[in-house]
Amino acid sequence: MPTVTRMPNESDESLLRRFRKKVAKAGVMSTVRRKRWHVSKSELRRIQKKKAIRRMRRRQNLNERYG
């Protein structure tokens, strides 16, 4: 579990921002979302395949625009 300690003269907003970054980097929220409902292995593979295809298309589009 990510923890943060308040730095001297640090505002609440910046403390919360640092905590959110640590939580995101640790992957806590993605783990919680993934474990919220049971997903079969075949369904998980299907979802991962769709994500990979979407990622590849996005990279191709960026290469076409700027490459």
N, C-alpha and C. Protein backbone atom coordinates (compact mmCIF):
# COMPACT_ATOMS: atom_id res chain seq x y z
N MET A 1 0.84 -1.18 0.00
CA MET A 1 0.00 0.00 0.00
C MET A 1 0.88 1.24 0.00
N PRO A 2 0.70 2.12 -0.96
CA PRO A 2 1.51 3.34 -1.04
C PRO A 2 1.23 4.28 0.14
N THR A 3 2.27 4.87 0.64
CA THR A 3 2.14 5.85 1.71
C THR A 3 2.93 7.09 1.35
N VAL A 4 2.48 8.22 1.85
CA VAL A 4 3.19 9.48 1.67
C VAL A 4 3.27 10.18 3.02
N THR A 5 4.35 10.90 3.24
CA THR A 5 4.48 11.71 4.45
C THR A 5 4.53 13.16 4.02
N ARG A 6 3.91 13.99 4.83
CA ARG A 6 3.81 15.41 4.50
C ARG A 6 5.18 16.07 4.61
N MET A 7 5.54 16.79 3.56
CA MET A 7 6.79 17.56 3.54
C MET A 7 6.53 18.90 4.26
N PRO A 8 7.58 19.53 4.73
CA PRO A 8 7.38 20.84 5.36
C PRO A 8 6.79 21.83 4.36
N ASN A 9 5.82 22.60 4.81
CA ASN A 9 5.15 23.62 4.00
C ASN A 9 4.47 23.05 2.76
N GLU A 10 3.99 21.82 2.82
CA GLU A 10 3.31 21.21 1.68
C GLU A 10 1.80 21.37 1.86
N SER A 11 1.13 21.74 0.79
CA SER A 11 -0.32 21.92 0.87
C SER A 11 -1.02 20.57 0.79
N ASP A 12 -2.29 20.58 1.18
CA ASP A 12 -3.08 19.34 1.12
C ASP A 12 -3.22 18.86 -0.32
N GLU A 13 -3.38 19.79 -1.25
CA GLU A 13 -3.56 19.42 -2.65
C GLU A 13 -2.34 18.71 -3.21
N SER A 14 -1.15 19.23 -2.91
CA SER A 14 0.06 18.59 -3.43
C SER A 14 0.31 17.24 -2.77
N LEU A 15 -0.05 17.12 -1.49
CA LEU A 15 0.08 15.84 -0.79
C LEU A 15 -0.85 14.81 -1.43
N LEU A 16 -2.08 15.21 -1.69
CA LEU A 16 -3.05 14.32 -2.31
C LEU A 16 -2.61 13.95 -3.73
N ARG A 17 -2.06 14.91 -4.47
CA ARG A 17 -1.57 14.66 -5.82
C ARG A 17 -0.45 13.62 -5.80
N ARG A 18 0.49 13.75 -4.87
CA ARG A 18 1.58 12.78 -4.76
C ARG A 18 1.05 11.39 -4.41
N PHE A 19 0.07 11.34 -3.51
CA PHE A 19 -0.50 10.05 -3.12
C PHE A 19 -1.19 9.39 -4.31
N ARG A 20 -1.96 10.16 -5.07
CA ARG A 20 -2.65 9.61 -6.25
C ARG A 20 -1.66 9.07 -7.27
N LYS A 21 -0.55 9.78 -7.47
CA LYS A 21 0.47 9.32 -8.41
C LYS A 21 1.06 7.99 -7.95
N LYS A 22 1.33 7.88 -6.65
CA LYS A 22 1.90 6.63 -6.13
C LYS A 22 0.91 5.48 -6.27
N VAL A 23 -0.36 5.76 -6.01
CA VAL A 23 -1.39 4.71 -6.14
C VAL A 23 -1.49 4.27 -7.59
N ALA A 24 -1.47 5.22 -8.52
CA ALA A 24 -1.56 4.88 -9.94
C ALA A 24 -0.34 4.08 -10.38
N LYS A 25 0.83 4.47 -9.93
CA LYS A 25 2.05 3.79 -10.33
C LYS A 25 2.10 2.37 -9.76
N ALA A 26 1.56 2.18 -8.56
CA ALA A 26 1.56 0.86 -7.93
C ALA A 26 0.53 -0.06 -8.55
N GLY A 27 -0.43 0.51 -9.30
CA GLY A 27 -1.44 -0.32 -9.96
C GLY A 27 -2.53 -0.80 -9.03
N VAL A 28 -2.76 -0.10 -7.94
CA VAL A 28 -3.75 -0.51 -6.95
C VAL A 28 -5.16 -0.47 -7.53
N MET A 29 -5.49 0.62 -8.22
CA MET A 29 -6.86 0.77 -8.74
C MET A 29 -7.16 -0.24 -9.83
N SER A 30 -6.18 -0.52 -10.69
CA SER A 30 -6.42 -1.51 -11.74
C SER A 30 -6.63 -2.89 -11.14
N THR A 31 -5.92 -3.19 -10.06
CA THR A 31 -6.10 -4.48 -9.38
C THR A 31 -7.48 -4.56 -8.77
N VAL A 32 -7.92 -3.49 -8.15
CA VAL A 32 -9.25 -3.48 -7.53
C VAL A 32 -10.32 -3.65 -8.59
N ARG A 33 -10.20 -2.92 -9.71
CA ARG A 33 -11.19 -3.06 -10.78
C ARG A 33 -11.20 -4.46 -11.36
N ARG A 34 -10.01 -5.04 -11.51
CA ARG A 34 -9.91 -6.37 -12.10
C ARG A 34 -10.53 -7.44 -11.18
N LYS A 35 -10.39 -7.26 -9.88
CA LYS A 35 -10.88 -8.27 -8.93
C LYS A 35 -12.30 -8.00 -8.45
N ARG A 36 -12.91 -6.95 -8.96
CA ARG A 36 -14.26 -6.60 -8.50
C ARG A 36 -15.28 -7.67 -8.88
N TRP A 37 -15.17 -8.19 -10.10
CA TRP A 37 -16.03 -9.26 -10.56
C TRP A 37 -15.17 -10.39 -11.07
N HIS A 38 -15.72 -11.59 -11.04
CA HIS A 38 -14.98 -12.74 -11.57
C HIS A 38 -15.04 -12.69 -13.09
N VAL A 39 -13.88 -12.81 -13.71
CA VAL A 39 -13.78 -12.84 -15.17
C VAL A 39 -13.07 -14.13 -15.54
N SER A 40 -13.71 -14.91 -16.41
CA SER A 40 -13.10 -16.18 -16.81
C SER A 40 -11.83 -15.93 -17.60
N LYS A 41 -10.98 -16.95 -17.68
CA LYS A 41 -9.71 -16.79 -18.37
C LYS A 41 -9.92 -16.50 -19.85
N SER A 42 -10.91 -17.13 -20.46
CA SER A 42 -11.16 -16.89 -21.87
C SER A 42 -11.61 -15.44 -22.10
N GLU A 43 -12.44 -14.94 -21.21
CA GLU A 43 -12.91 -13.55 -21.31
C GLU A 43 -11.72 -12.60 -21.11
N LEU A 44 -10.84 -12.92 -20.17
CA LEU A 44 -9.68 -12.09 -19.91
C LEU A 44 -8.76 -12.05 -21.14
N ARG A 45 -8.55 -13.19 -21.79
CA ARG A 45 -7.74 -13.24 -23.00
C ARG A 45 -8.37 -12.40 -24.11
N ARG A 46 -9.69 -12.48 -24.23
CA ARG A 46 -10.39 -11.71 -25.26
C ARG A 46 -10.22 -10.21 -25.02
N ILE A 47 -10.35 -9.80 -23.77
CA ILE A 47 -10.20 -8.38 -23.43
C ILE A 47 -8.78 -7.91 -23.71
N GLN A 48 -7.79 -8.73 -23.33
CA GLN A 48 -6.40 -8.36 -23.56
C GLN A 48 -6.10 -8.26 -25.05
N LYS A 49 -6.68 -9.15 -25.85
CA LYS A 49 -6.47 -9.12 -27.29
C LYS A 49 -7.06 -7.84 -27.89
N LYS A 50 -8.27 -7.45 -27.42
CA LYS A 50 -8.88 -6.21 -27.90
C LYS A 50 -8.02 -5.00 -27.54
N LYS A 51 -7.47 -4.99 -26.33
CA LYS A 51 -6.62 -3.89 -25.90
C LYS A 51 -5.36 -3.80 -26.74
N ALA A 52 -4.78 -4.96 -27.05
CA ALA A 52 -3.56 -4.98 -27.87
C ALA A 52 -3.84 -4.45 -29.26
N ILE A 53 -4.96 -4.86 -29.84
CA ILE A 53 -5.33 -4.38 -31.17
C ILE A 53 -5.53 -2.87 -31.15
N ARG A 54 -6.22 -2.38 -30.14
CA ARG A 54 -6.46 -0.95 -30.02
C ARG A 54 -5.14 -0.19 -29.89
N ARG A 55 -4.20 -0.74 -29.09
CA ARG A 55 -2.89 -0.12 -28.92
C ARG A 55 -2.14 -0.05 -30.24
N MET A 56 -2.16 -1.17 -31.00
CA MET A 56 -1.47 -1.21 -32.29
C MET A 56 -2.05 -0.20 -33.26
N ARG A 57 -3.38 -0.11 -33.31
CA ARG A 57 -4.02 0.86 -34.21
C ARG A 57 -3.65 2.28 -33.83
N ARG A 58 -3.63 2.56 -32.54
CA ARG A 58 -3.29 3.90 -32.08
C ARG A 58 -1.85 4.25 -32.48
N ARG A 59 -0.93 3.30 -32.32
CA ARG A 59 0.46 3.55 -32.70
C ARG A 59 0.59 3.74 -34.20
N GLN A 60 -0.16 2.96 -34.99
CA GLN A 60 -0.12 3.12 -36.43
C GLN A 60 -0.61 4.50 -36.83
N ASN A 61 -1.69 4.95 -36.22
CA ASN A 61 -2.23 6.27 -36.53
C ASN A 61 -1.24 7.37 -36.19
N LEU A 62 -0.55 7.24 -35.07
CA LEU A 62 0.45 8.24 -34.71
C LEU A 62 1.62 8.24 -35.69
N ASN A 63 2.03 7.04 -36.11
CA ASN A 63 3.13 6.96 -37.08
C ASN A 63 2.73 7.57 -38.42
N GLU A 64 1.48 7.35 -38.83
CA GLU A 64 1.03 7.90 -40.10
C GLU A 64 0.98 9.43 -40.05
N ARG A 65 0.59 9.96 -38.91
CA ARG A 65 0.48 11.42 -38.77
C ARG A 65 1.85 12.09 -38.69
N TYR A 66 2.70 11.54 -37.82
CA TYR A 66 3.96 12.23 -37.52
C TYR A 66 5.18 11.53 -38.07
N GLY A 67 5.03 10.33 -38.56
CA GLY A 67 6.18 9.54 -38.99
C GLY A 67 6.48 9.75 -40.38
